[in-house]
Amino acid sequence: MTHIVRGVDRPGALMHKKEVVDAVTVLEAPPMVVVGVVGYVETPRGLRALTTVFAEHLSEEYKRRCYKNWFASKRKAYTKYAKKYENGGADIEAELTRIKKFCAVVRVITHSQVRKLNLRIKKAHIMEIQINGGDTAAKVDFAKSLFEKEFTIDSVFAKDENLDVIGVTKGGGYEGVTARWGVTRLPRKTHRGLRKVACIGSWHPARVSSTVPRAGQNGYHHRCELNKKVYRIGKAGDHASCQTEADLTAKSITPMGGFPHYGEINEDWIMLKGAVVGVKKRPLILRKSLMNHSSRKHLEDIDLKLIDTSFKMG
């Protein structure tokens, strides 16, 4: 995290035409690669996957995700599948035609390029991304045109947009009710401890209700935070990505000495307002916002005056 100085452009607000300091989070986002397409059929019980088509050439980091022990394996994943592309790839075209004919939802299978991040991991993260717009045939043709190609974060998201961030929160282990639920401590003279819930329910019904605070796992939960504003998107190799009209210093996003517990940012990056869930280096999913925004806070154009890149280690 770091902080920025920006001008407020919100007529009628108390801070209109004044400068404010906001905390921001910088996420490194190297390009992702499309390796397949999957078609879904709508049924009364929800979506059902009809068929999946993979690209001819798949990277090693994608194949590593298919193995528990890559070192000891024969590394034969997708070698027989790639032979379907021989002699014109009639089998592949037949499967794509099935998707065009029967499917209502089309999603591409993508993977991250972890070798571009110095995170000491070699297995790619894999996820599906839905394609919208046009009829099913146009979606399938668009997905096939992306096979084995990279797509960058600025081709999906834009500045001043609102995103949803999905991730896993920072773990806290097994904790009691005071830390986990914030219940009030009992008086000092209480017998057998005071960081407890005094009454966990009435005699009947003869079971503990789910609404009663209990000790247990705290943190490491899956969470989705809505409406994170995009302040800036930076490109890899741009050594003036933090330059503004008010601050003409040519500098990149990495602060002096690097980000604590992370290091330097050398790939594409995105700057979001506020904090995000989880610890450093933990992967996050960024999603297009599900809401139609109308408030001036969400529609405001962000004018950055200063991006702080000073030393962060204390």
C-alpha atoms as a PDB file:
ATOM      1  CA  MET A   1       0.000   0.000   0.000  1.00  0.00           C
ATOM      2  CA  THR A   2       0.917   3.635  -0.382  1.00  0.00           C
ATOM      3  CA  HIS A   3      -0.964   6.937  -0.456  1.00  0.00           C
ATOM      4  CA  ILE A   4      -1.858   9.573  -3.026  1.00  0.00           C
ATOM      5  CA  VAL A   5      -2.958  13.194  -3.033  1.00  0.00           C
ATOM      6  CA  ARG A   6      -5.876  14.042  -5.302  1.00  0.00           C
ATOM      7  CA  GLY A   7      -8.281  16.869  -5.988  1.00  0.00           C
ATOM      8  CA  VAL A   8     -11.962  16.331  -5.191  1.00  0.00           C
ATOM      9  CA  ASP A   9     -14.391  17.081  -8.034  1.00  0.00           C
ATOM     10  CA  ARG A  10     -17.786  16.649  -6.380  1.00  0.00           C
ATOM     11  CA  PRO A  11     -19.976  19.805  -6.604  1.00  0.00           C
ATOM     12  CA  GLY A  12     -21.948  20.382  -3.421  1.00  0.00           C
ATOM     13  CA  ALA A  13     -19.620  18.319  -1.247  1.00  0.00           C
ATOM     14  CA  LEU A  14     -17.722  19.887   1.644  1.00  0.00           C
ATOM     15  CA  MET A  15     -14.371  18.877   0.094  1.00  0.00           C
ATOM     16  CA  HIS A  16     -15.159  20.112  -3.430  1.00  0.00           C
ATOM     17  CA  LYS A  17     -12.077  21.638  -5.117  1.00  0.00           C
ATOM     18  CA  LYS A  18      -9.906  20.709  -2.136  1.00  0.00           C
ATOM     19  CA  GLU A  19      -7.105  18.175  -1.861  1.00  0.00           C
ATOM     20  CA  VAL A  20      -7.462  14.913   0.060  1.00  0.00           C
ATOM     21  CA  VAL A  21      -5.065  12.076   0.892  1.00  0.00           C
ATOM     22  CA  ASP A  22      -6.264   8.561   0.114  1.00  0.00           C
ATOM     23  CA  ALA A  23      -4.733   5.203   0.980  1.00  0.00           C
ATOM     24  CA  VAL A  24      -4.336   3.047  -2.127  1.00  0.00           C
ATOM     25  CA  THR A  25      -3.373  -0.540  -2.903  1.00  0.00           C
ATOM     26  CA  VAL A  26      -1.121  -1.429  -5.835  1.00  0.00           C
ATOM     27  CA  LEU A  27      -1.719  -4.844  -7.439  1.00  0.00           C
ATOM     28  CA  GLU A  28       0.752  -6.329  -9.900  1.00  0.00           C
ATOM     29  CA  ALA A  29      -1.137  -7.828 -12.842  1.00  0.00           C
ATOM     30  CA  PRO A  30       0.935  -9.464 -15.611  1.00  0.00           C
ATOM     31  CA  PRO A  31      -0.909 -10.401 -18.828  1.00  0.00           C
ATOM     32  CA  MET A  32      -2.981 -13.601 -18.730  1.00  0.00           C
ATOM     33  CA  VAL A  33      -3.066 -16.238 -21.473  1.00  0.00           C
ATOM     34  CA  VAL A  34      -6.172 -17.832 -23.048  1.00  0.00           C
ATOM     35  CA  VAL A  35      -5.774 -21.611 -23.388  1.00  0.00           C
ATOM     36  CA  GLY A  36      -9.303 -22.866 -23.998  1.00  0.00           C
ATOM     37  CA  VAL A  37     -13.029 -22.287 -24.317  1.00  0.00           C
ATOM     38  CA  VAL A  38     -15.908 -24.024 -22.550  1.00  0.00           C
ATOM     39  CA  GLY A  39     -19.589 -23.919 -23.474  1.00  0.00           C
ATOM     40  CA  TYR A  40     -22.480 -24.178 -20.997  1.00  0.00           C
ATOM     41  CA  VAL A  41     -26.069 -25.311 -21.619  1.00  0.00           C
ATOM     42  CA  GLU A  42     -28.886 -23.793 -19.563  1.00  0.00           C
ATOM     43  CA  THR A  43     -30.893 -26.475 -17.735  1.00  0.00           C
ATOM     44  CA  PRO A  44     -33.687 -26.265 -15.104  1.00  0.00           C
ATOM     45  CA  ARG A  45     -30.996 -27.021 -12.488  1.00  0.00           C
ATOM     46  CA  GLY A  46     -28.561 -24.343 -13.658  1.00  0.00           C
ATOM     47  CA  LEU A  47     -25.664 -24.362 -16.103  1.00  0.00           C
ATOM     48  CA  ARG A  48     -24.166 -27.629 -17.374  1.00  0.00           C
ATOM     49  CA  ALA A  49     -20.817 -27.764 -19.157  1.00  0.00           C
ATOM     50  CA  LEU A  50     -21.329 -29.230 -22.638  1.00  0.00           C
ATOM     51  CA  THR A  51     -17.774 -29.443 -23.948  1.00  0.00           C
ATOM     52  CA  THR A  52     -14.326 -27.890 -23.627  1.00  0.00           C
ATOM     53  CA  VAL A  53     -11.829 -27.073 -26.378  1.00  0.00           C
ATOM     54  CA  PHE A  54      -8.169 -26.407 -25.565  1.00  0.00           C
ATOM     55  CA  ALA A  55      -5.488 -24.661 -27.597  1.00  0.00           C
ATOM     56  CA  GLU A  56      -2.827 -26.642 -29.440  1.00  0.00           C
ATOM     57  CA  HIS A  57       0.185 -25.352 -27.496  1.00  0.00           C
ATOM     58  CA  LEU A  58      -0.028 -25.073 -23.708  1.00  0.00           C
ATOM     59  CA  SER A  59       2.703 -23.569 -21.536  1.00  0.00           C
ATOM     60  CA  GLU A  60       4.623 -25.514 -18.912  1.00  0.00           C
ATOM     61  CA  GLU A  61       3.248 -23.444 -16.023  1.00  0.00           C
ATOM     62  CA  TYR A  62      -0.294 -24.406 -17.066  1.00  0.00           C
ATOM     63  CA  LYS A  63       0.607 -28.110 -17.292  1.00  0.00           C
ATOM     64  CA  ARG A  64       2.297 -27.966 -13.884  1.00  0.00           C
ATOM     65  CA  ARG A  65      -1.098 -27.178 -12.337  1.00  0.00           C
ATOM     66  CA  CYS A  66      -2.337 -30.558 -13.632  1.00  0.00           C
ATOM     67  CA  TYR A  67       0.247 -32.467 -11.576  1.00  0.00           C
ATOM     68  CA  LYS A  68       0.826 -33.038  -7.886  1.00  0.00           C
ATOM     69  CA  ASN A  69       4.523 -33.816  -8.511  1.00  0.00           C
ATOM     70  CA  TRP A  70       5.828 -32.346 -11.759  1.00  0.00           C
ATOM     71  CA  PHE A  71       9.404 -33.452 -11.091  1.00  0.00           C
ATOM     72  CA  ALA A  72       8.597 -37.172 -10.884  1.00  0.00           C
ATOM     73  CA  SER A  73       5.934 -37.215 -13.608  1.00  0.00           C
ATOM     74  CA  LYS A  74       6.288 -38.150 -17.272  1.00  0.00           C
ATOM     75  CA  ARG A  75       4.809 -34.783 -18.288  1.00  0.00           C
ATOM     76  CA  LYS A  76       2.459 -36.275 -20.847  1.00  0.00           C
ATOM     77  CA  ALA A  77      -0.508 -33.964 -20.171  1.00  0.00           C
ATOM     78  CA  TYR A  78      -2.307 -32.833 -23.350  1.00  0.00           C
ATOM     79  CA  THR A  79       0.195 -34.595 -25.675  1.00  0.00           C
ATOM     80  CA  LYS A  80      -2.544 -36.794 -27.171  1.00  0.00           C
ATOM     81  CA  TYR A  81      -5.010 -33.888 -27.237  1.00  0.00           C
ATOM     82  CA  ALA A  82      -2.601 -31.788 -29.332  1.00  0.00           C
ATOM     83  CA  LYS A  83      -2.745 -34.466 -32.078  1.00  0.00           C
ATOM     84  CA  LYS A  84      -6.369 -33.463 -32.724  1.00  0.00           C
ATOM     85  CA  TYR A  85      -5.015 -30.356 -34.465  1.00  0.00           C
ATOM     86  CA  GLU A  86      -3.265 -32.495 -37.095  1.00  0.00           C
ATOM     87  CA  ASN A  87      -4.799 -32.762 -40.582  1.00  0.00           C
ATOM     88  CA  GLY A  88      -6.854 -29.588 -40.306  1.00  0.00           C
ATOM     89  CA  GLY A  89      -8.271 -30.208 -36.819  1.00  0.00           C
ATOM     90  CA  ALA A  90     -11.661 -31.610 -37.839  1.00  0.00           C
ATOM     91  CA  ASP A  91     -12.397 -32.839 -34.291  1.00  0.00           C
ATOM     92  CA  ILE A  92     -11.688 -29.396 -32.856  1.00  0.00           C
ATOM     93  CA  GLU A  93     -13.980 -27.669 -35.366  1.00  0.00           C
ATOM     94  CA  ALA A  94     -16.713 -30.215 -34.630  1.00  0.00           C
ATOM     95  CA  GLU A  95     -16.591 -29.410 -30.912  1.00  0.00           C
ATOM     96  CA  LEU A  96     -16.633 -25.648 -31.573  1.00  0.00           C
ATOM     97  CA  THR A  97     -19.675 -26.173 -33.818  1.00  0.00           C
ATOM     98  CA  ARG A  98     -21.411 -28.042 -30.977  1.00  0.00           C
ATOM     99  CA  ILE A  99     -20.807 -25.065 -28.668  1.00  0.00           C
ATOM    100  CA  LYS A 100     -22.206 -22.678 -31.296  1.00  0.00           C
ATOM    101  CA  LYS A 101     -25.284 -24.840 -31.789  1.00  0.00           C
ATOM    102  CA  PHE A 102     -26.313 -25.724 -28.235  1.00  0.00           C
ATOM    103  CA  CYS A 103     -24.658 -23.398 -25.711  1.00  0.00           C
ATOM    104  CA  ALA A 104     -25.966 -20.153 -24.216  1.00  0.00           C
ATOM    105  CA  VAL A 105     -22.943 -19.242 -22.055  1.00  0.00           C
ATOM    106  CA  VAL A 106     -19.378 -19.205 -23.394  1.00  0.00           C
ATOM    107  CA  ARG A 107     -16.307 -18.775 -21.180  1.00  0.00           C
ATOM    108  CA  VAL A 108     -12.593 -18.788 -21.945  1.00  0.00           C
ATOM    109  CA  ILE A 109     -10.113 -20.721 -19.799  1.00  0.00           C
ATOM    110  CA  THR A 110      -7.200 -18.494 -18.853  1.00  0.00           C
ATOM    111  CA  HIS A 111      -4.101 -18.815 -16.715  1.00  0.00           C
ATOM    112  CA  SER A 112      -1.745 -16.384 -15.014  1.00  0.00           C
ATOM    113  CA  GLN A 113       1.941 -16.106 -15.897  1.00  0.00           C
ATOM    114  CA  VAL A 114       3.541 -16.658 -12.498  1.00  0.00           C
ATOM    115  CA  ARG A 115       7.046 -16.880 -13.977  1.00  0.00           C
ATOM    116  CA  LYS A 116       6.828 -13.122 -14.600  1.00  0.00           C
ATOM    117  CA  LEU A 117       6.427 -12.584 -10.846  1.00  0.00           C
ATOM    118  CA  ASN A 118       9.308 -13.320  -8.503  1.00  0.00           C
ATOM    119  CA  LEU A 119       7.102 -15.325  -6.132  1.00  0.00           C
ATOM    120  CA  ARG A 120       8.939 -18.679  -6.129  1.00  0.00           C
ATOM    121  CA  ILE A 121       5.918 -20.532  -7.517  1.00  0.00           C
ATOM    122  CA  LYS A 122       5.772 -22.297 -10.870  1.00  0.00           C
ATOM    123  CA  LYS A 123       2.150 -23.471 -11.127  1.00  0.00           C
ATOM    124  CA  ALA A 124      -0.185 -21.105 -12.949  1.00  0.00           C
ATOM    125  CA  HIS A 125      -3.518 -20.008 -11.481  1.00  0.00           C
ATOM    126  CA  ILE A 126      -6.397 -21.047 -13.760  1.00  0.00           C
ATOM    127  CA  MET A 127      -9.820 -19.416 -14.039  1.00  0.00           C
ATOM    128  CA  GLU A 128     -12.738 -19.047 -16.432  1.00  0.00           C
ATOM    129  CA  ILE A 129     -13.779 -15.647 -17.776  1.00  0.00           C
ATOM    130  CA  GLN A 130     -17.184 -15.192 -19.391  1.00  0.00           C
ATOM    131  CA  ILE A 131     -17.539 -13.626 -22.838  1.00  0.00           C
ATOM    132  CA  ASN A 132     -20.512 -11.302 -23.327  1.00  0.00           C
ATOM    133  CA  GLY A 133     -21.941  -9.500 -26.354  1.00  0.00           C
ATOM    134  CA  GLY A 134     -23.128 -10.853 -29.712  1.00  0.00           C
ATOM    135  CA  ASP A 135     -24.591 -14.275 -30.447  1.00  0.00           C
ATOM    136  CA  THR A 136     -23.028 -17.593 -29.429  1.00  0.00           C
ATOM    137  CA  ALA A 137     -21.232 -18.077 -32.752  1.00  0.00           C
ATOM    138  CA  ALA A 138     -19.546 -14.674 -32.442  1.00  0.00           C
ATOM    139  CA  LYS A 139     -18.494 -15.484 -28.866  1.00  0.00           C
ATOM    140  CA  VAL A 140     -16.912 -18.792 -29.923  1.00  0.00           C
ATOM    141  CA  ASP A 141     -15.093 -17.203 -32.855  1.00  0.00           C
ATOM    142  CA  PHE A 142     -13.785 -14.450 -30.584  1.00  0.00           C
ATOM    143  CA  ALA A 143     -12.616 -17.003 -28.002  1.00  0.00           C
ATOM    144  CA  LYS A 144     -10.841 -19.083 -30.647  1.00  0.00           C
ATOM    145  CA  SER A 145      -9.086 -15.977 -31.973  1.00  0.00           C
ATOM    146  CA  LEU A 146      -7.609 -15.445 -28.486  1.00  0.00           C
ATOM    147  CA  PHE A 147      -6.100 -18.942 -28.189  1.00  0.00           C
ATOM    148  CA  GLU A 148      -2.470 -18.848 -26.972  1.00  0.00           C
ATOM    149  CA  LYS A 149      -2.554 -15.030 -26.879  1.00  0.00           C
ATOM    150  CA  GLU A 150      -1.982 -12.662 -23.984  1.00  0.00           C
ATOM    151  CA  PHE A 151      -4.474 -10.071 -22.809  1.00  0.00           C
ATOM    152  CA  THR A 152      -3.569  -7.210 -20.497  1.00  0.00           C
ATOM    153  CA  ILE A 153      -5.450  -5.704 -17.590  1.00  0.00           C
ATOM    154  CA  ASP A 154      -6.098  -2.421 -19.417  1.00  0.00           C
ATOM    155  CA  SER A 155      -8.013  -4.338 -22.106  1.00  0.00           C
ATOM    156  CA  VAL A 156     -10.548  -5.380 -19.444  1.00  0.00           C
ATOM    157  CA  PHE A 157     -10.625  -2.547 -16.879  1.00  0.00           C
ATOM    158  CA  ALA A 158     -10.278   1.232 -17.193  1.00  0.00           C
ATOM    159  CA  LYS A 159      -9.408   4.192 -14.996  1.00  0.00           C
ATOM    160  CA  ASP A 160     -12.234   5.576 -12.783  1.00  0.00           C
ATOM    161  CA  GLU A 161     -14.075   2.253 -13.032  1.00  0.00           C
ATOM    162  CA  ASN A 162     -15.468   0.450  -9.959  1.00  0.00           C
ATOM    163  CA  LEU A 163     -14.383  -3.163  -9.406  1.00  0.00           C
ATOM    164  CA  ASP A 164     -15.264  -6.024  -7.091  1.00  0.00           C
ATOM    165  CA  VAL A 165     -12.289  -7.720  -5.411  1.00  0.00           C
ATOM    166  CA  ILE A 166     -12.584 -11.404  -4.447  1.00  0.00           C
ATOM    167  CA  GLY A 167     -10.018 -13.101  -2.239  1.00  0.00           C
ATOM    168  CA  VAL A 168      -9.181 -14.860   1.015  1.00  0.00           C
ATOM    169  CA  THR A 169      -8.699 -12.786   4.160  1.00  0.00           C
ATOM    170  CA  LYS A 170      -5.681 -12.815   6.458  1.00  0.00           C
ATOM    171  CA  GLY A 171      -5.769 -15.866   8.747  1.00  0.00           C
ATOM    172  CA  GLY A 172      -6.058 -15.532  12.510  1.00  0.00           C
ATOM    173  CA  GLY A 173      -6.232 -19.167  13.603  1.00  0.00           C
ATOM    174  CA  TYR A 174      -8.492 -20.451  16.393  1.00  0.00           C
ATOM    175  CA  GLU A 175      -9.670 -17.531  18.521  1.00  0.00           C
ATOM    176  CA  GLY A 176     -12.107 -16.957  21.365  1.00  0.00           C
ATOM    177  CA  VAL A 177     -15.386 -15.059  21.344  1.00  0.00           C
ATOM    178  CA  THR A 178     -13.898 -11.700  22.430  1.00  0.00           C
ATOM    179  CA  ALA A 179     -11.472 -11.502  19.509  1.00  0.00           C
ATOM    180  CA  ARG A 180     -13.751 -13.307  17.030  1.00  0.00           C
ATOM    181  CA  TRP A 181     -17.073 -11.573  17.700  1.00  0.00           C
ATOM    182  CA  GLY A 182     -16.171  -8.566  19.843  1.00  0.00           C
ATOM    183  CA  VAL A 183     -18.322  -9.530  22.827  1.00  0.00           C
ATOM    184  CA  THR A 184     -17.837  -7.605  26.066  1.00  0.00           C
ATOM    185  CA  ARG A 185     -15.548  -9.091  28.700  1.00  0.00           C
ATOM    186  CA  LEU A 186     -17.208 -10.264  31.904  1.00  0.00           C
ATOM    187  CA  PRO A 187     -16.412  -8.591  35.280  1.00  0.00           C
ATOM    188  CA  ARG A 188     -13.031  -9.181  36.907  1.00  0.00           C
ATOM    189  CA  LYS A 189     -14.308 -11.523  39.634  1.00  0.00           C
ATOM    190  CA  THR A 190     -15.915 -13.957  37.200  1.00  0.00           C
ATOM    191  CA  HIS A 191     -15.289 -17.642  37.934  1.00  0.00           C
ATOM    192  CA  ARG A 192     -13.501 -19.722  35.244  1.00  0.00           C
ATOM    193  CA  GLY A 193     -12.441 -16.877  32.982  1.00  0.00           C
ATOM    194  CA  LEU A 194     -13.939 -13.637  31.775  1.00  0.00           C
ATOM    195  CA  ARG A 195     -13.382 -13.613  27.963  1.00  0.00           C
ATOM    196  CA  LYS A 196     -16.532 -15.679  27.515  1.00  0.00           C
ATOM    197  CA  VAL A 197     -20.231 -15.533  26.660  1.00  0.00           C
ATOM    198  CA  ALA A 198     -22.084 -15.847  29.975  1.00  0.00           C
ATOM    199  CA  CYS A 199     -25.286 -17.405  28.640  1.00  0.00           C
ATOM    200  CA  ILE A 200     -25.291 -19.385  25.418  1.00  0.00           C
ATOM    201  CA  GLY A 201     -29.081 -19.750  25.288  1.00  0.00           C
ATOM    202  CA  SER A 202     -32.218 -20.840  27.094  1.00  0.00           C
ATOM    203  CA  TRP A 203     -32.987 -24.389  28.330  1.00  0.00           C
ATOM    204  CA  HIS A 204     -35.427 -24.890  25.467  1.00  0.00           C
ATOM    205  CA  PRO A 205     -34.985 -25.203  22.566  1.00  0.00           C
ATOM    206  CA  ALA A 206     -32.362 -27.639  23.878  1.00  0.00           C
ATOM    207  CA  ARG A 207     -29.637 -26.708  21.404  1.00  0.00           C
ATOM    208  CA  VAL A 208     -27.232 -23.801  20.892  1.00  0.00           C
ATOM    209  CA  SER A 209     -28.498 -21.302  18.313  1.00  0.00           C
ATOM    210  CA  SER A 210     -26.296 -20.390  15.348  1.00  0.00           C
ATOM    211  CA  THR A 211     -26.600 -16.725  16.337  1.00  0.00           C
ATOM    212  CA  VAL A 212     -24.700 -17.227  19.620  1.00  0.00           C
ATOM    213  CA  PRO A 213     -21.004 -16.198  19.451  1.00  0.00           C
ATOM    214  CA  ARG A 214     -18.673 -19.178  19.818  1.00  0.00           C
ATOM    215  CA  ALA A 215     -14.907 -19.718  19.665  1.00  0.00           C
ATOM    216  CA  GLY A 216     -13.428 -21.028  16.401  1.00  0.00           C
ATOM    217  CA  GLN A 217     -11.548 -20.213  13.212  1.00  0.00           C
ATOM    218  CA  ASN A 218     -11.049 -16.474  12.658  1.00  0.00           C
ATOM    219  CA  GLY A 219      -9.813 -15.207   9.302  1.00  0.00           C
ATOM    220  CA  TYR A 220      -8.778 -17.116   6.162  1.00  0.00           C
ATOM    221  CA  HIS A 221     -12.339 -16.642   4.889  1.00  0.00           C
ATOM    222  CA  HIS A 222     -13.447 -16.149   1.294  1.00  0.00           C
ATOM    223  CA  ARG A 223     -14.708 -12.590   0.879  1.00  0.00           C
ATOM    224  CA  CYS A 224     -15.939 -10.305  -1.902  1.00  0.00           C
ATOM    225  CA  GLU A 225     -15.592  -6.522  -1.524  1.00  0.00           C
ATOM    226  CA  LEU A 226     -17.662  -4.307  -3.795  1.00  0.00           C
ATOM    227  CA  ASN A 227     -16.933  -1.006  -5.531  1.00  0.00           C
ATOM    228  CA  LYS A 228     -13.170  -0.515  -5.412  1.00  0.00           C
ATOM    229  CA  LYS A 229     -12.327   2.572  -7.480  1.00  0.00           C
ATOM    230  CA  VAL A 230      -9.530   2.290 -10.049  1.00  0.00           C
ATOM    231  CA  TYR A 231      -7.204   5.283  -9.649  1.00  0.00           C
ATOM    232  CA  ARG A 232      -4.575   4.380 -12.251  1.00  0.00           C
ATOM    233  CA  ILE A 233      -3.373   1.523 -14.465  1.00  0.00           C
ATOM    234  CA  GLY A 234       0.373   1.328 -15.202  1.00  0.00           C
ATOM    235  CA  LYS A 235       2.304  -0.479 -17.920  1.00  0.00           C
ATOM    236  CA  ALA A 236       5.410  -2.635 -17.551  1.00  0.00           C
ATOM    237  CA  GLY A 237       8.621  -0.779 -18.342  1.00  0.00           C
ATOM    238  CA  ASP A 238       7.060   2.680 -17.951  1.00  0.00           C
ATOM    239  CA  HIS A 239       9.555   4.522 -15.749  1.00  0.00           C
ATOM    240  CA  ALA A 240       7.302   7.609 -15.590  1.00  0.00           C
ATOM    241  CA  SER A 241       4.089   5.797 -14.660  1.00  0.00           C
ATOM    242  CA  CYS A 242       3.694   7.844 -11.451  1.00  0.00           C
ATOM    243  CA  GLN A 243       4.184  11.215 -13.089  1.00  0.00           C
ATOM    244  CA  THR A 244       1.338  13.730 -12.686  1.00  0.00           C
ATOM    245  CA  GLU A 245       0.703  17.298 -13.800  1.00  0.00           C
ATOM    246  CA  ALA A 246       1.584  18.543 -10.327  1.00  0.00           C
ATOM    247  CA  ASP A 247       4.553  16.181  -9.809  1.00  0.00           C
ATOM    248  CA  LEU A 248       6.771  16.048 -12.905  1.00  0.00           C
ATOM    249  CA  THR A 249       9.313  13.682 -11.371  1.00  0.00           C
ATOM    250  CA  ALA A 250       9.815  10.665 -13.653  1.00  0.00           C
ATOM    251  CA  LYS A 251       9.365   7.701 -11.306  1.00  0.00           C
ATOM    252  CA  SER A 252       7.873   4.217 -11.378  1.00  0.00           C
ATOM    253  CA  ILE A 253       5.398   2.805  -8.859  1.00  0.00           C
ATOM    254  CA  THR A 254       7.959   0.845  -6.787  1.00  0.00           C
ATOM    255  CA  PRO A 255       8.852   2.867  -3.657  1.00  0.00           C
ATOM    256  CA  MET A 256      12.434   3.270  -2.484  1.00  0.00           C
ATOM    257  CA  GLY A 257      13.574  -0.077  -1.111  1.00  0.00           C
ATOM    258  CA  GLY A 258      10.567  -1.893  -2.597  1.00  0.00           C
ATOM    259  CA  PHE A 259       7.174  -2.745  -1.142  1.00  0.00           C
ATOM    260  CA  PRO A 260       7.438  -4.417   2.308  1.00  0.00           C
ATOM    261  CA  HIS A 261       7.099  -8.210   2.113  1.00  0.00           C
ATOM    262  CA  TYR A 262       6.776  -8.005  -1.670  1.00  0.00           C
ATOM    263  CA  GLY A 263       9.629  -6.291  -3.514  1.00  0.00           C
ATOM    264  CA  GLU A 264       9.668  -4.512  -6.857  1.00  0.00           C
ATOM    265  CA  ILE A 265       6.880  -4.223  -9.429  1.00  0.00           C
ATOM    266  CA  ASN A 266       8.140  -4.875 -12.965  1.00  0.00           C
ATOM    267  CA  GLU A 267       4.893  -5.851 -14.747  1.00  0.00           C
ATOM    268  CA  ASP A 268       1.567  -4.120 -15.422  1.00  0.00           C
ATOM    269  CA  TRP A 269      -0.151  -2.852 -12.283  1.00  0.00           C
ATOM    270  CA  ILE A 270      -3.468  -1.431 -11.132  1.00  0.00           C
ATOM    271  CA  MET A 271      -4.057   1.040  -8.296  1.00  0.00           C
ATOM    272  CA  LEU A 272      -7.252   0.668  -6.236  1.00  0.00           C
ATOM    273  CA  LYS A 273      -8.629   2.941  -3.542  1.00  0.00           C
ATOM    274  CA  GLY A 274      -8.323   1.591   0.014  1.00  0.00           C
ATOM    275  CA  ALA A 275      -7.257  -1.853   1.168  1.00  0.00           C
ATOM    276  CA  VAL A 276      -8.005  -5.299  -0.226  1.00  0.00           C
ATOM    277  CA  VAL A 277      -8.447  -8.643   1.532  1.00  0.00           C
ATOM    278  CA  GLY A 278      -5.595 -11.006   2.310  1.00  0.00           C
ATOM    279  CA  VAL A 279      -1.846 -10.864   2.804  1.00  0.00           C
ATOM    280  CA  LYS A 280       0.838  -9.814   0.320  1.00  0.00           C
ATOM    281  CA  LYS A 281       1.481 -12.168  -2.634  1.00  0.00           C
ATOM    282  CA  ARG A 282      -1.932 -13.860  -2.258  1.00  0.00           C
ATOM    283  CA  PRO A 283      -3.784 -13.999  -5.613  1.00  0.00           C
ATOM    284  CA  LEU A 284      -6.954 -11.950  -6.033  1.00  0.00           C
ATOM    285  CA  ILE A 285      -9.786 -12.023  -8.574  1.00  0.00           C
ATOM    286  CA  LEU A 286     -10.918  -8.679 -10.007  1.00  0.00           C
ATOM    287  CA  ARG A 287     -14.479  -8.602 -11.344  1.00  0.00           C
ATOM    288  CA  LYS A 288     -16.543  -6.083 -13.253  1.00  0.00           C
ATOM    289  CA  SER A 289     -18.941  -4.356 -10.854  1.00  0.00           C
ATOM    290  CA  LEU A 290     -22.422  -5.887 -10.692  1.00  0.00           C
ATOM    291  CA  MET A 291     -24.083  -2.541  -9.927  1.00  0.00           C
ATOM    292  CA  ASN A 292     -25.278   0.302 -12.119  1.00  0.00           C
ATOM    293  CA  HIS A 293     -23.608   3.271 -10.457  1.00  0.00           C
ATOM    294  CA  SER A 294     -25.408   6.583 -10.109  1.00  0.00           C
ATOM    295  CA  SER A 295     -23.871   8.310  -7.069  1.00  0.00           C
ATOM    296  CA  ARG A 296     -21.364  11.115  -7.689  1.00  0.00           C
ATOM    297  CA  LYS A 297     -18.802   9.369  -5.512  1.00  0.00           C
ATOM    298  CA  HIS A 298     -18.733   6.389  -7.864  1.00  0.00           C
ATOM    299  CA  LEU A 299     -18.878   8.460 -11.066  1.00  0.00           C
ATOM    300  CA  GLU A 300     -16.219  10.989 -10.021  1.00  0.00           C
ATOM    301  CA  ASP A 301     -13.208  11.521 -12.296  1.00  0.00           C
ATOM    302  CA  ILE A 302     -10.006  11.080 -10.306  1.00  0.00           C
ATOM    303  CA  ASP A 303      -7.309  13.729 -10.744  1.00  0.00           C
ATOM    304  CA  LEU A 304      -4.104  12.524  -9.047  1.00  0.00           C
ATOM    305  CA  LYS A 305      -1.739  15.228  -7.826  1.00  0.00           C
ATOM    306  CA  LEU A 306       0.930  13.082  -6.139  1.00  0.00           C
ATOM    307  CA  ILE A 307       1.732   9.380  -5.797  1.00  0.00           C
ATOM    308  CA  ASP A 308       3.940   8.701  -2.795  1.00  0.00           C
ATOM    309  CA  THR A 309       6.973   6.478  -3.522  1.00  0.00           C
ATOM    310  CA  SER A 310       8.955   7.158  -0.350  1.00  0.00           C
ATOM    311  CA  PHE A 311      10.621   4.490   1.779  1.00  0.00           C
ATOM    312  CA  LYS A 312       7.991   2.129   3.335  1.00  0.00           C
ATOM    313  CA  MET A 313      10.101   0.037   5.684  1.00  0.00           C
ATOM    314  CA  GLY A 314       9.467   2.063   8.827  1.00  0.00           C
END
